[in-house]
C-alpha atoms as a PDB file:
ATOM      1  CA  MET A   1     -35.189 126.355 130.523  1.00  0.00           C
ATOM      2  CA  VAL A   2     -33.713 124.722 133.653  1.00  0.00           C
ATOM      3  CA  SER A   3     -32.067 127.223 135.985  1.00  0.00           C
ATOM      4  CA  SER A   4     -28.468 126.859 137.072  1.00  0.00           C
ATOM      5  CA  ALA A   5     -29.665 126.369 140.665  1.00  0.00           C
ATOM      6  CA  ALA A   6     -31.903 123.495 139.583  1.00  0.00           C
ATOM      7  CA  GLN A   7     -29.029 121.939 137.652  1.00  0.00           C
ATOM      8  CA  ALA A   8     -26.797 122.195 140.713  1.00  0.00           C
ATOM      9  CA  ASP A   9     -29.476 120.572 142.895  1.00  0.00           C
ATOM     10  CA  ASP A  10     -29.867 117.795 140.327  1.00  0.00           C
ATOM     11  CA  ALA A  11     -26.108 117.158 140.215  1.00  0.00           C
ATOM     12  CA  ALA A  12     -25.961 117.116 144.015  1.00  0.00           C
ATOM     13  CA  GLY A  13     -28.820 114.608 144.082  1.00  0.00           C
ATOM     14  CA  VAL A  14     -27.065 112.322 141.603  1.00  0.00           C
ATOM     15  CA  LEU A  15     -23.843 112.514 143.602  1.00  0.00           C
ATOM     16  CA  GLU A  16     -25.679 111.717 146.836  1.00  0.00           C
ATOM     17  CA  ASN A  17     -27.419 108.700 145.276  1.00  0.00           C
ATOM     18  CA  LEU A  18     -24.077 107.460 143.994  1.00  0.00           C
ATOM     19  CA  ARG A  19     -22.504 107.915 147.435  1.00  0.00           C
ATOM     20  CA  LEU A  20     -25.324 105.876 148.982  1.00  0.00           C
ATOM     21  CA  LEU A  21     -24.741 103.099 146.465  1.00  0.00           C
ATOM     22  CA  VAL A  22     -21.006 103.106 147.196  1.00  0.00           C
ATOM     23  CA  SER A  23     -21.715 102.970 150.944  1.00  0.00           C
ATOM     24  CA  GLU A  24     -24.027  99.989 150.472  1.00  0.00           C
ATOM     25  CA  LEU A  25     -21.380  98.111 148.522  1.00  0.00           C
ATOM     26  CA  GLU A  26     -18.721  98.969 151.104  1.00  0.00           C
ATOM     27  CA  LYS A  27     -20.858  97.423 153.846  1.00  0.00           C
ATOM     28  CA  SER A  28     -21.934  94.381 151.854  1.00  0.00           C
ATOM     29  CA  GLY A  29     -18.572  92.647 152.044  1.00  0.00           C
ATOM     30  CA  GLY A  30     -19.125  91.253 148.545  1.00  0.00           C
ATOM     31  CA  ASP A  31     -17.923  92.294 145.111  1.00  0.00           C
ATOM     32  CA  LYS A  32     -16.401  95.786 145.232  1.00  0.00           C
ATOM     33  CA  ARG A  33     -16.864  96.389 141.517  1.00  0.00           C
ATOM     34  CA  LEU A  34     -19.602  98.820 140.448  1.00  0.00           C
ATOM     35  CA  PRO A  35     -21.942  97.863 137.572  1.00  0.00           C
ATOM     36  CA  ASN A  36     -20.798  99.040 134.148  1.00  0.00           C
ATOM     37  CA  GLU A  37     -21.614 102.621 133.151  1.00  0.00           C
ATOM     38  CA  ARG A  38     -24.661 101.729 131.063  1.00  0.00           C
ATOM     39  CA  LEU A  39     -26.334  99.731 133.841  1.00  0.00           C
ATOM     40  CA  LEU A  40     -25.337 102.225 136.502  1.00  0.00           C
ATOM     41  CA  ALA A  41     -26.722 105.166 134.503  1.00  0.00           C
ATOM     42  CA  GLU A  42     -30.003 103.285 133.993  1.00  0.00           C
ATOM     43  CA  ARG A  43     -30.188 102.427 137.697  1.00  0.00           C
ATOM     44  CA  LEU A  44     -29.743 106.075 138.677  1.00  0.00           C
ATOM     45  CA  SER A  45     -31.881 107.389 135.768  1.00  0.00           C
ATOM     46  CA  ILE A  46     -29.173 109.723 134.506  1.00  0.00           C
ATOM     47  CA  THR A  47     -27.082 110.143 131.378  1.00  0.00           C
ATOM     48  CA  ARG A  48     -23.688 108.492 131.178  1.00  0.00           C
ATOM     49  CA  ALA A  49     -22.090 111.937 130.830  1.00  0.00           C
ATOM     50  CA  ARG A  50     -23.624 113.007 134.152  1.00  0.00           C
ATOM     51  CA  LEU A  51     -22.575 109.692 135.687  1.00  0.00           C
ATOM     52  CA  ARG A  52     -18.958 110.143 134.636  1.00  0.00           C
ATOM     53  CA  LYS A  53     -18.792 113.572 136.267  1.00  0.00           C
ATOM     54  CA  SER A  54     -20.069 112.141 139.547  1.00  0.00           C
ATOM     55  CA  LEU A  55     -17.713 109.165 139.357  1.00  0.00           C
ATOM     56  CA  GLN A  56     -14.803 111.556 138.839  1.00  0.00           C
ATOM     57  CA  ILE A  57     -15.743 113.466 142.003  1.00  0.00           C
ATOM     58  CA  LEU A  58     -15.829 110.259 144.051  1.00  0.00           C
ATOM     59  CA  GLU A  59     -12.557 109.125 142.515  1.00  0.00           C
ATOM     60  CA  ASP A  60     -10.970 112.462 143.488  1.00  0.00           C
ATOM     61  CA  GLU A  61     -12.266 111.869 147.029  1.00  0.00           C
ATOM     62  CA  GLY A  62     -10.634 108.445 147.117  1.00  0.00           C
ATOM     63  CA  ARG A  63     -13.959 106.602 147.416  1.00  0.00           C
ATOM     64  CA  LEU A  64     -13.397 104.583 144.240  1.00  0.00           C
ATOM     65  CA  TRP A  65     -10.977 104.002 141.391  1.00  0.00           C
ATOM     66  CA  ARG A  66     -11.332 103.190 137.709  1.00  0.00           C
ATOM     67  CA  GLY A  67      -9.092 100.947 135.644  1.00  0.00           C
ATOM     68  CA  VAL A  68      -9.146 101.089 131.857  1.00  0.00           C
ATOM     69  CA  GLY A  69     -10.746  97.884 130.601  1.00  0.00           C
ATOM     70  CA  ARG A  70     -11.191  96.627 134.148  1.00  0.00           C
ATOM     71  CA  GLY A  71     -14.116  98.564 135.587  1.00  0.00           C
ATOM     72  CA  THR A  72     -14.863 100.831 138.556  1.00  0.00           C
ATOM     73  CA  PHE A  73     -14.019  99.636 142.061  1.00  0.00           C
ATOM     74  CA  ILE A  74     -14.882 100.763 145.582  1.00  0.00           C
ATOM     75  CA  GLY A  75     -12.048 102.123 147.731  1.00  0.00           C
ATOM     76  CA  PRO A  76      -8.682 103.765 147.040  1.00  0.00           C
ATOM     77  CA  LYS A  77      -6.631 102.563 144.094  1.00  0.00           C
ATOM     78  CA  PRO A  78      -4.221  99.812 145.143  1.00  0.00           C
ATOM     79  CA  ALA A  79      -0.522 100.352 144.697  1.00  0.00           C
ATOM     80  CA  GLU A  80       0.775  98.945 141.445  1.00  0.00           C
ATOM     81  CA  SER A  81       3.847  96.737 141.234  1.00  0.00           C
ATOM     82  CA  PRO A  82       6.795  98.690 139.846  1.00  0.00           C
ATOM     83  CA  ASP A  83       7.685  97.919 136.240  1.00  0.00           C
ATOM     84  CA  ALA A  84      11.381  96.982 136.188  1.00  0.00           C
ATOM     85  CA  ALA A  85      11.739  97.640 132.462  1.00  0.00           C
ATOM     86  CA  LEU A  86      10.158 101.079 132.815  1.00  0.00           C
ATOM     87  CA  LEU A  87      12.398 101.925 135.776  1.00  0.00           C
ATOM     88  CA  ALA A  88      15.446 100.787 133.817  1.00  0.00           C
ATOM     89  CA  SER A  89      14.496 102.986 130.859  1.00  0.00           C
ATOM     90  CA  LYS A  90      14.450 106.008 133.166  1.00  0.00           C
ATOM     91  CA  SER A  91      17.571 105.102 135.115  1.00  0.00           C
ATOM     92  CA  ASN A  92      21.323 104.771 134.678  1.00  0.00           C
ATOM     93  CA  PRO A  93      24.107 102.751 136.338  1.00  0.00           C
ATOM     94  CA  VAL A  94      24.952 105.477 138.863  1.00  0.00           C
ATOM     95  CA  GLN A  95      21.333 105.713 140.030  1.00  0.00           C
ATOM     96  CA  VAL A  96      21.285 101.946 140.412  1.00  0.00           C
ATOM     97  CA  MET A  97      24.448 102.085 142.526  1.00  0.00           C
ATOM     98  CA  ARG A  98      22.954 104.822 144.709  1.00  0.00           C
ATOM     99  CA  ALA A  99      19.894 102.632 145.286  1.00  0.00           C
ATOM    100  CA  ARG A 100      22.076  99.652 146.126  1.00  0.00           C
ATOM    101  CA  MET A 101      24.044 101.812 148.542  1.00  0.00           C
ATOM    102  CA  ALA A 102      20.808 102.716 150.327  1.00  0.00           C
ATOM    103  CA  ILE A 103      19.643  99.110 150.721  1.00  0.00           C
ATOM    104  CA  GLU A 104      22.469  96.582 150.700  1.00  0.00           C
ATOM    105  CA  PRO A 105      24.497  97.792 153.728  1.00  0.00           C
ATOM    106  CA  GLU A 106      21.315  97.463 155.808  1.00  0.00           C
ATOM    107  CA  LEU A 107      20.824  93.949 154.445  1.00  0.00           C
ATOM    108  CA  ALA A 108      24.391  92.999 155.377  1.00  0.00           C
ATOM    109  CA  GLY A 109      23.827  94.309 158.896  1.00  0.00           C
ATOM    110  CA  LEU A 110      20.620  92.288 159.238  1.00  0.00           C
ATOM    111  CA  ALA A 111      22.372  89.221 157.849  1.00  0.00           C
ATOM    112  CA  ALA A 112      24.964  89.517 160.623  1.00  0.00           C
ATOM    113  CA  VAL A 113      22.109  89.176 163.109  1.00  0.00           C
ATOM    114  CA  ASN A 114      19.846  86.698 161.325  1.00  0.00           C
ATOM    115  CA  ALA A 115      21.888  84.496 158.968  1.00  0.00           C
ATOM    116  CA  THR A 116      21.888  80.771 159.684  1.00  0.00           C
ATOM    117  CA  ASP A 117      25.064  78.691 159.634  1.00  0.00           C
ATOM    118  CA  ASP A 118      23.944  77.144 156.340  1.00  0.00           C
ATOM    119  CA  GLU A 119      23.443  80.592 154.807  1.00  0.00           C
ATOM    120  CA  ILE A 120      26.881  81.716 155.914  1.00  0.00           C
ATOM    121  CA  ALA A 121      28.349  78.543 154.405  1.00  0.00           C
ATOM    122  CA  GLN A 122      26.542  79.348 151.149  1.00  0.00           C
ATOM    123  CA  LEU A 123      28.023  82.869 151.132  1.00  0.00           C
ATOM    124  CA  LYS A 124      31.507  81.391 151.538  1.00  0.00           C
ATOM    125  CA  GLU A 125      30.891  78.975 148.664  1.00  0.00           C
ATOM    126  CA  LEU A 126      29.635  81.749 146.368  1.00  0.00           C
ATOM    127  CA  SER A 127      32.656  83.881 147.245  1.00  0.00           C
ATOM    128  CA  ARG A 128      34.906  80.941 146.373  1.00  0.00           C
ATOM    129  CA  ARG A 129      33.146  80.474 143.027  1.00  0.00           C
ATOM    130  CA  CYS A 130      33.624  84.168 142.230  1.00  0.00           C
ATOM    131  CA  LYS A 131      37.367  83.752 142.752  1.00  0.00           C
ATOM    132  CA  PHE A 132      37.609  80.696 140.514  1.00  0.00           C
ATOM    133  CA  ALA A 133      35.231  81.838 137.775  1.00  0.00           C
ATOM    134  CA  SER A 134      36.590  80.950 134.335  1.00  0.00           C
ATOM    135  CA  ASN A 135      35.382  84.190 132.734  1.00  0.00           C
ATOM    136  CA  TRP A 136      33.698  87.508 133.540  1.00  0.00           C
ATOM    137  CA  ARG A 137      30.204  86.285 132.704  1.00  0.00           C
ATOM    138  CA  GLU A 138      30.505  83.404 135.159  1.00  0.00           C
ATOM    139  CA  TYR A 139      31.937  85.732 137.789  1.00  0.00           C
ATOM    140  CA  GLU A 140      28.999  88.129 137.404  1.00  0.00           C
ATOM    141  CA  VAL A 141      26.505  85.287 137.848  1.00  0.00           C
ATOM    142  CA  TYR A 142      28.094  84.223 141.135  1.00  0.00           C
ATOM    143  CA  ASP A 143      28.538  87.820 142.244  1.00  0.00           C
ATOM    144  CA  ALA A 144      24.808  88.446 141.752  1.00  0.00           C
ATOM    145  CA  LEU A 145      24.011  85.239 143.658  1.00  0.00           C
ATOM    146  CA  PHE A 146      26.338  86.348 146.473  1.00  0.00           C
ATOM    147  CA  HIS A 147      24.488  89.631 146.925  1.00  0.00           C
ATOM    148  CA  HIS A 148      21.116  87.912 146.628  1.00  0.00           C
ATOM    149  CA  GLU A 149      22.102  85.392 149.313  1.00  0.00           C
ATOM    150  CA  ILE A 150      22.935  88.257 151.684  1.00  0.00           C
ATOM    151  CA  ALA A 151      19.442  89.640 151.064  1.00  0.00           C
ATOM    152  CA  VAL A 152      17.976  86.205 151.792  1.00  0.00           C
ATOM    153  CA  SER A 153      20.094  85.907 154.954  1.00  0.00           C
ATOM    154  CA  ALA A 154      18.688  89.198 156.263  1.00  0.00           C
ATOM    155  CA  HIS A 155      15.311  87.462 156.677  1.00  0.00           C
ATOM    156  CA  ASN A 156      13.280  90.528 155.736  1.00  0.00           C
ATOM    157  CA  THR A 157      10.665  89.797 153.084  1.00  0.00           C
ATOM    158  CA  ILE A 158      10.092  93.417 152.072  1.00  0.00           C
ATOM    159  CA  LEU A 159      13.781  94.252 151.661  1.00  0.00           C
ATOM    160  CA  LEU A 160      14.277  91.020 149.713  1.00  0.00           C
ATOM    161  CA  ALA A 161      11.479  92.011 147.314  1.00  0.00           C
ATOM    162  CA  LEU A 162      13.050  95.455 146.841  1.00  0.00           C
ATOM    163  CA  THR A 163      16.415  93.829 146.186  1.00  0.00           C
ATOM    164  CA  ASP A 164      14.924  91.513 143.579  1.00  0.00           C
ATOM    165  CA  LEU A 165      13.343  94.488 141.812  1.00  0.00           C
ATOM    166  CA  LEU A 166      16.636  96.369 141.902  1.00  0.00           C
ATOM    167  CA  THR A 167      18.413  93.330 140.460  1.00  0.00           C
ATOM    168  CA  GLN A 168      15.962  93.257 137.547  1.00  0.00           C
ATOM    169  CA  VAL A 169      16.611  96.944 136.885  1.00  0.00           C
ATOM    170  CA  ARG A 170      20.347  96.411 137.200  1.00  0.00           C
ATOM    171  CA  ARG A 171      20.280  93.687 134.530  1.00  0.00           C
ATOM    172  CA  SER A 172      18.464  95.961 132.115  1.00  0.00           C
ATOM    173  CA  VAL A 173      20.724  98.991 132.531  1.00  0.00           C
ATOM    174  CA  THR A 174      23.811  99.301 130.311  1.00  0.00           C
ATOM    175  CA  TRP A 175      26.944  98.778 132.373  1.00  0.00           C
ATOM    176  CA  GLY A 176      30.307 100.373 131.561  1.00  0.00           C
ATOM    177  CA  ARG A 177      32.708  98.728 129.143  1.00  0.00           C
ATOM    178  CA  PRO A 178      31.869  95.304 127.676  1.00  0.00           C
ATOM    179  CA  ARG A 179      33.739  92.424 129.288  1.00  0.00           C
ATOM    180  CA  PRO A 180      36.328  90.703 127.037  1.00  0.00           C
ATOM    181  CA  GLU A 181      35.365  87.181 126.007  1.00  0.00           C
ATOM    182  CA  GLY A 182      37.373  84.273 127.414  1.00  0.00           C
ATOM    183  CA  VAL A 183      39.093  86.388 130.066  1.00  0.00           C
ATOM    184  CA  ARG A 184      38.649  85.751 133.778  1.00  0.00           C
ATOM    185  CA  PRO A 185      38.817  88.363 136.582  1.00  0.00           C
ATOM    186  CA  PRO A 186      42.370  89.012 137.812  1.00  0.00           C
ATOM    187  CA  GLU A 187      43.466  87.256 140.998  1.00  0.00           C
ATOM    188  CA  VAL A 188      43.723  90.634 142.736  1.00  0.00           C
ATOM    189  CA  HIS A 189      40.226  91.766 141.763  1.00  0.00           C
ATOM    190  CA  HIS A 190      38.974  94.061 144.527  1.00  0.00           C
ATOM    191  CA  SER A 191      35.716  92.192 145.138  1.00  0.00           C
ATOM    192  CA  PHE A 192      37.425  89.020 146.347  1.00  0.00           C
ATOM    193  CA  VAL A 193      38.826  90.584 149.519  1.00  0.00           C
ATOM    194  CA  GLU A 194      35.757  92.802 149.938  1.00  0.00           C
ATOM    195  CA  HIS A 195      33.389  89.824 149.748  1.00  0.00           C
ATOM    196  CA  ASP A 196      35.482  88.025 152.365  1.00  0.00           C
ATOM    197  CA  ASN A 197      35.392  91.067 154.642  1.00  0.00           C
ATOM    198  CA  ILE A 198      31.591  91.122 154.425  1.00  0.00           C
ATOM    199  CA  ILE A 199      31.380  87.396 155.199  1.00  0.00           C
ATOM    200  CA  ASP A 200      33.793  87.725 158.105  1.00  0.00           C
ATOM    201  CA  ALA A 201      31.646  90.426 159.720  1.00  0.00           C
ATOM    202  CA  ILE A 202      28.442  88.452 159.135  1.00  0.00           C
ATOM    203  CA  SER A 203      29.895  85.205 160.516  1.00  0.00           C
ATOM    204  CA  HIS A 204      31.176  87.023 163.616  1.00  0.00           C
ATOM    205  CA  ARG A 205      27.738  88.610 164.135  1.00  0.00           C
ATOM    206  CA  GLU A 206      28.959  92.186 163.787  1.00  0.00           C
ATOM    207  CA  PRO A 207      26.149  94.125 162.053  1.00  0.00           C
ATOM    208  CA  ILE A 208      27.827  97.551 161.981  1.00  0.00           C
ATOM    209  CA  LYS A 209      31.046  96.079 160.627  1.00  0.00           C
ATOM    210  CA  ALA A 210      29.084  94.097 158.026  1.00  0.00           C
ATOM    211  CA  ALA A 211      27.162  97.172 156.892  1.00  0.00           C
ATOM    212  CA  ASN A 212      30.347  99.222 156.629  1.00  0.00           C
ATOM    213  CA  ALA A 213      32.107  96.442 154.696  1.00  0.00           C
ATOM    214  CA  MET A 214      29.243  96.289 152.213  1.00  0.00           C
ATOM    215  CA  ARG A 215      29.217 100.079 151.878  1.00  0.00           C
ATOM    216  CA  ARG A 216      32.957 100.119 151.118  1.00  0.00           C
ATOM    217  CA  HIS A 217      32.511  97.340 148.562  1.00  0.00           C
ATOM    218  CA  LEU A 218      29.717  99.149 146.731  1.00  0.00           C
ATOM    219  CA  GLN A 219      31.674 102.400 146.829  1.00  0.00           C
ATOM    220  CA  THR A 220      34.585 100.666 145.110  1.00  0.00           C
ATOM    221  CA  VAL A 221      32.224  99.308 142.443  1.00  0.00           C
ATOM    222  CA  GLU A 222      30.797 102.790 141.855  1.00  0.00           C
ATOM    223  CA  ASP A 223      34.252 104.399 141.750  1.00  0.00           C
ATOM    224  CA  ARG A 224      35.338 101.979 139.030  1.00  0.00           C
ATOM    225  CA  LEU A 225      32.055 102.434 137.198  1.00  0.00           C
ATOM    226  CA  VAL A 226      32.451 106.188 136.856  1.00  0.00           C
ATOM    227  CA  GLY A 227      36.239 106.123 136.372  1.00  0.00           C
ATOM    228  CA  ARG A 228      37.287 107.350 139.814  1.00  0.00           C
ATOM    229  CA  ALA A 229      39.464 104.272 140.314  1.00  0.00           C
END
Protein backbone atom coordinates (compact mmCIF):
# COMPACT_ATOMS: atom_id res chain seq x y z
CA MET A 1 0.00 0.00 0.00
CA VAL A 2 1.36 3.44 -0.96
CA SER A 3 1.83 5.74 2.03
CA SER A 4 0.19 9.13 2.20
CA ALA A 5 3.65 10.74 2.16
CA ALA A 6 4.52 8.92 -1.06
CA GLN A 7 1.22 10.00 -2.60
CA ALA A 8 1.93 13.61 -1.64
CA ASP A 9 5.42 13.41 -3.16
CA ASP A 10 3.94 11.92 -6.33
CA ALA A 11 1.33 14.69 -6.60
CA ALA A 12 4.01 17.32 -6.03
CA GLY A 13 6.12 15.75 -8.77
CA VAL A 14 3.22 15.79 -11.23
CA LEU A 15 2.48 19.42 -10.40
CA GLU A 16 6.13 20.38 -10.86
CA ASN A 17 6.31 18.62 -14.25
CA LEU A 18 3.16 20.42 -15.33
CA ARG A 19 4.58 23.77 -14.18
CA LEU A 20 7.73 23.12 -16.23
CA LEU A 21 5.62 22.37 -19.29
CA VAL A 22 3.61 25.56 -18.79
CA SER A 23 6.84 27.56 -18.41
CA GLU A 24 8.21 26.11 -21.65
CA LEU A 25 5.07 27.07 -23.53
CA GLU A 26 5.10 30.56 -22.01
CA LYS A 27 8.63 31.11 -23.32
CA SER A 28 8.05 29.56 -26.73
CA GLY A 29 5.98 32.44 -28.06
CA GLY A 30 3.87 29.96 -30.04
CA ASP A 31 0.49 28.37 -29.43
CA LYS A 32 -0.62 28.92 -25.83
CA ARG A 33 -3.05 26.01 -25.86
CA LEU A 34 -2.08 22.87 -23.92
CA PRO A 35 -2.54 19.44 -25.55
CA ASN A 36 -5.88 17.78 -24.81
CA GLU A 37 -6.22 15.88 -21.53
CA ARG A 38 -5.63 12.44 -23.04
CA LEU A 39 -2.37 13.44 -24.74
CA LEU A 40 -1.22 15.48 -21.77
CA ALA A 41 -1.87 12.61 -19.34
CA GLU A 42 0.08 10.23 -21.60
CA ARG A 43 2.95 12.72 -21.88
CA LEU A 44 3.20 13.03 -18.09
CA SER A 45 2.46 9.31 -17.48
CA ILE A 46 -0.41 10.01 -15.11
CA THR A 47 -4.14 9.38 -14.97
CA ARG A 48 -6.52 12.00 -16.28
CA ALA A 49 -8.02 12.31 -12.79
CA ARG A 50 -4.60 13.21 -11.38
CA LEU A 51 -4.04 15.59 -14.29
CA ARG A 52 -7.29 17.43 -13.64
CA LYS A 53 -6.37 18.02 -10.00
CA SER A 54 -3.04 19.53 -11.02
CA LEU A 55 -4.64 21.65 -13.74
CA GLN A 56 -7.11 22.98 -11.17
CA ILE A 57 -4.25 24.06 -8.90
CA LEU A 58 -2.55 25.94 -11.73
CA GLU A 59 -5.84 27.49 -12.76
CA ASP A 60 -6.37 28.69 -9.17
CA GLU A 61 -2.87 30.21 -9.33
CA GLY A 62 -3.76 32.07 -12.51
CA ARG A 63 -1.19 30.19 -14.61
CA LEU A 64 -3.80 28.85 -17.04
CA TRP A 65 -7.50 28.82 -17.81
CA ARG A 66 -9.91 26.26 -19.22
CA GLY A 67 -12.84 26.92 -21.52
CA VAL A 68 -15.58 24.34 -21.98
CA GLY A 69 -15.26 22.93 -25.49
CA ARG A 70 -12.31 25.18 -26.21
CA GLY A 71 -9.35 23.67 -24.38
CA THR A 72 -6.78 24.69 -21.76
CA PHE A 73 -4.74 27.85 -22.30
CA ILE A 74 -1.63 29.36 -20.73
CA GLY A 75 -2.05 32.59 -18.77
CA PRO A 76 -4.93 34.28 -16.92
CA LYS A 77 -8.42 34.03 -18.36
CA PRO A 78 -9.16 36.97 -20.65
CA ALA A 79 -12.03 39.26 -19.82
CA GLU A 80 -15.23 38.29 -21.58
CA SER A 81 -17.37 40.78 -23.47
CA PRO A 82 -20.48 41.64 -21.47
CA ASP A 83 -23.69 40.03 -22.71
CA ALA A 84 -26.20 42.85 -23.26
CA ALA A 85 -29.20 40.51 -23.16
CA LEU A 86 -28.02 38.98 -19.89
CA LEU A 87 -27.43 42.42 -18.37
CA ALA A 88 -30.88 43.54 -19.48
CA SER A 89 -32.50 40.48 -17.88
CA LYS A 90 -30.92 41.44 -14.56
CA SER A 91 -31.58 45.16 -14.83
CA ASN A 92 -34.44 47.65 -14.84
CA PRO A 93 -35.03 51.14 -16.28
CA VAL A 94 -33.88 52.94 -13.12
CA GLN A 95 -30.58 51.04 -13.07
CA VAL A 96 -30.09 51.94 -16.72
CA MET A 97 -30.70 55.62 -15.93
CA ARG A 98 -28.22 55.49 -13.05
CA ALA A 99 -25.61 54.05 -15.42
CA ARG A 100 -26.34 56.73 -18.00
CA MET A 101 -26.02 59.37 -15.30
CA ALA A 102 -22.55 58.04 -14.46
CA ILE A 103 -21.30 58.11 -18.06
CA GLU A 104 -23.13 60.60 -20.26
CA PRO A 105 -22.35 63.87 -18.39
CA GLU A 106 -18.65 63.00 -18.71
CA LEU A 107 -19.15 62.37 -22.42
CA ALA A 108 -20.85 65.75 -22.85
CA GLY A 109 -17.95 67.44 -21.07
CA LEU A 110 -15.43 65.71 -23.32
CA ALA A 111 -17.49 66.61 -26.38
CA ALA A 112 -17.24 70.28 -25.39
CA VAL A 113 -13.47 69.92 -25.62
CA ASN A 114 -13.11 67.54 -28.57
CA ALA A 115 -16.12 67.86 -30.89
CA THR A 116 -15.43 69.01 -34.44
CA ASP A 117 -17.53 71.65 -36.17
CA ASP A 118 -19.10 68.93 -38.32
CA GLU A 119 -20.04 66.93 -35.22
CA ILE A 120 -21.63 69.95 -33.60
CA ALA A 121 -23.58 70.59 -36.80
CA GLN A 122 -24.77 66.97 -36.71
CA LEU A 123 -25.95 67.40 -33.10
CA LYS A 124 -27.96 70.46 -34.14
CA GLU A 125 -29.53 68.54 -37.02
CA LEU A 126 -30.48 65.60 -34.78
CA SER A 127 -32.00 67.99 -32.25
CA ARG A 128 -34.03 69.58 -35.04
CA ARG A 129 -35.26 66.16 -36.21
CA CYS A 130 -36.33 65.31 -32.65
CA LYS A 131 -38.48 68.45 -32.60
CA PHE A 132 -40.14 67.69 -35.93
CA ALA A 133 -40.58 63.94 -35.48
CA SER A 134 -43.97 62.80 -36.75
CA ASN A 135 -44.47 60.28 -33.94
CA TRP A 136 -42.89 58.99 -30.73
CA ARG A 137 -41.07 56.12 -32.41
CA GLU A 138 -39.34 58.49 -34.83
CA TYR A 139 -38.50 60.86 -31.98
CA GLU A 140 -36.90 58.04 -29.99
CA VAL A 141 -34.74 57.03 -32.96
CA TYR A 142 -33.37 60.56 -33.33
CA ASP A 143 -33.03 60.97 -29.58
CA ALA A 144 -30.88 57.83 -29.42
CA LEU A 145 -28.79 59.09 -32.35
CA PHE A 146 -28.37 62.45 -30.58
CA HIS A 147 -26.94 60.82 -27.47
CA HIS A 148 -24.78 58.48 -29.55
CA GLU A 149 -23.37 61.44 -31.51
CA ILE A 150 -22.34 63.10 -28.23
CA ALA A 151 -20.48 59.90 -27.33
CA VAL A 152 -18.79 59.94 -30.74
CA SER A 153 -17.90 63.64 -30.32
CA ALA A 154 -16.14 62.89 -27.02
CA HIS A 155 -13.46 61.03 -29.00
CA ASN A 156 -12.91 58.38 -26.34
CA THR A 157 -13.03 54.85 -27.74
CA ILE A 158 -13.55 53.11 -24.40
CA LEU A 159 -16.40 55.36 -23.27
CA LEU A 160 -18.01 55.01 -26.70
CA ALA A 161 -17.91 51.21 -26.39
CA LEU A 162 -19.48 51.41 -22.92
CA THR A 163 -22.18 53.71 -24.28
CA ASP A 164 -22.96 51.32 -27.12
CA LEU A 165 -23.31 48.46 -24.63
CA LEU A 166 -25.58 50.57 -22.44
CA THR A 167 -27.70 51.45 -25.47
CA GLN A 168 -28.15 47.75 -26.24
CA VAL A 169 -29.25 47.11 -22.66
CA ARG A 170 -31.54 50.13 -22.76
CA ARG A 171 -33.32 48.80 -25.86
CA SER A 172 -33.95 45.47 -24.19
CA VAL A 173 -35.33 46.83 -20.92
CA THR A 174 -39.07 47.54 -20.65
CA TRP A 175 -39.67 51.28 -20.52
CA GLY A 176 -42.63 52.89 -18.74
CA ARG A 177 -45.95 53.32 -20.49
CA PRO A 178 -46.30 52.36 -24.17
CA ARG A 179 -46.26 55.31 -26.56
CA PRO A 180 -49.58 56.00 -28.34
CA GLU A 181 -49.52 55.25 -32.06
CA GLY A 182 -49.72 58.17 -34.49
CA VAL A 183 -49.05 60.80 -31.83
CA ARG A 184 -46.01 63.06 -31.92
CA PRO A 185 -44.19 64.57 -28.89
CA PRO A 186 -45.74 67.85 -27.70
CA GLU A 187 -44.08 71.07 -28.82
CA VAL A 188 -43.14 71.80 -25.20
CA HIS A 189 -41.52 68.42 -24.59
CA HIS A 190 -38.76 68.93 -22.03
CA SER A 191 -36.01 67.31 -24.10
CA PHE A 192 -36.14 69.93 -26.86
CA VAL A 193 -34.85 72.77 -24.68
CA GLU A 194 -32.55 70.42 -22.75
CA HIS A 195 -30.94 69.11 -25.94
CA ASP A 196 -30.37 72.69 -27.09
CA ASN A 197 -28.79 73.59 -23.75
CA ILE A 198 -26.36 70.68 -24.12
CA ILE A 199 -25.48 71.71 -27.68
CA ASP A 200 -25.01 75.34 -26.65
CA ALA A 201 -22.50 74.36 -23.96
CA ILE A 202 -20.65 72.01 -26.32
CA SER A 203 -20.48 74.57 -29.15
CA HIS A 204 -19.17 77.23 -26.74
CA ARG A 205 -16.52 74.79 -25.45
CA GLU A 206 -17.78 74.80 -21.87
CA PRO A 207 -17.22 71.26 -20.52
CA ILE A 208 -18.57 71.81 -17.00
CA LYS A 209 -21.69 73.51 -18.33
CA ALA A 210 -22.16 70.72 -20.88
CA ALA A 211 -21.82 68.01 -18.23
CA ASN A 212 -24.28 69.78 -15.94
CA ALA A 213 -26.76 70.27 -18.79
CA MET A 214 -26.62 66.58 -19.62
CA ARG A 215 -27.02 65.65 -15.95
CA ARG A 216 -30.13 67.85 -15.66
CA HIS A 217 -31.56 66.33 -18.83
CA LEU A 218 -31.08 62.76 -17.62
CA GLN A 219 -32.49 63.66 -14.22
CA THR A 220 -35.65 64.94 -15.90
CA VAL A 221 -35.93 61.70 -17.89
CA GLU A 222 -35.55 59.65 -14.70
CA ASP A 223 -38.06 61.79 -12.79
CA ARG A 224 -40.67 61.21 -15.48
CA LEU A 225 -39.79 57.53 -15.66
CA VAL A 226 -40.49 56.91 -11.98
CA GLY A 227 -43.42 59.35 -11.74
CA ARG A 228 -41.67 62.18 -9.89
CA ALA A 229 -42.65 64.64 -12.61
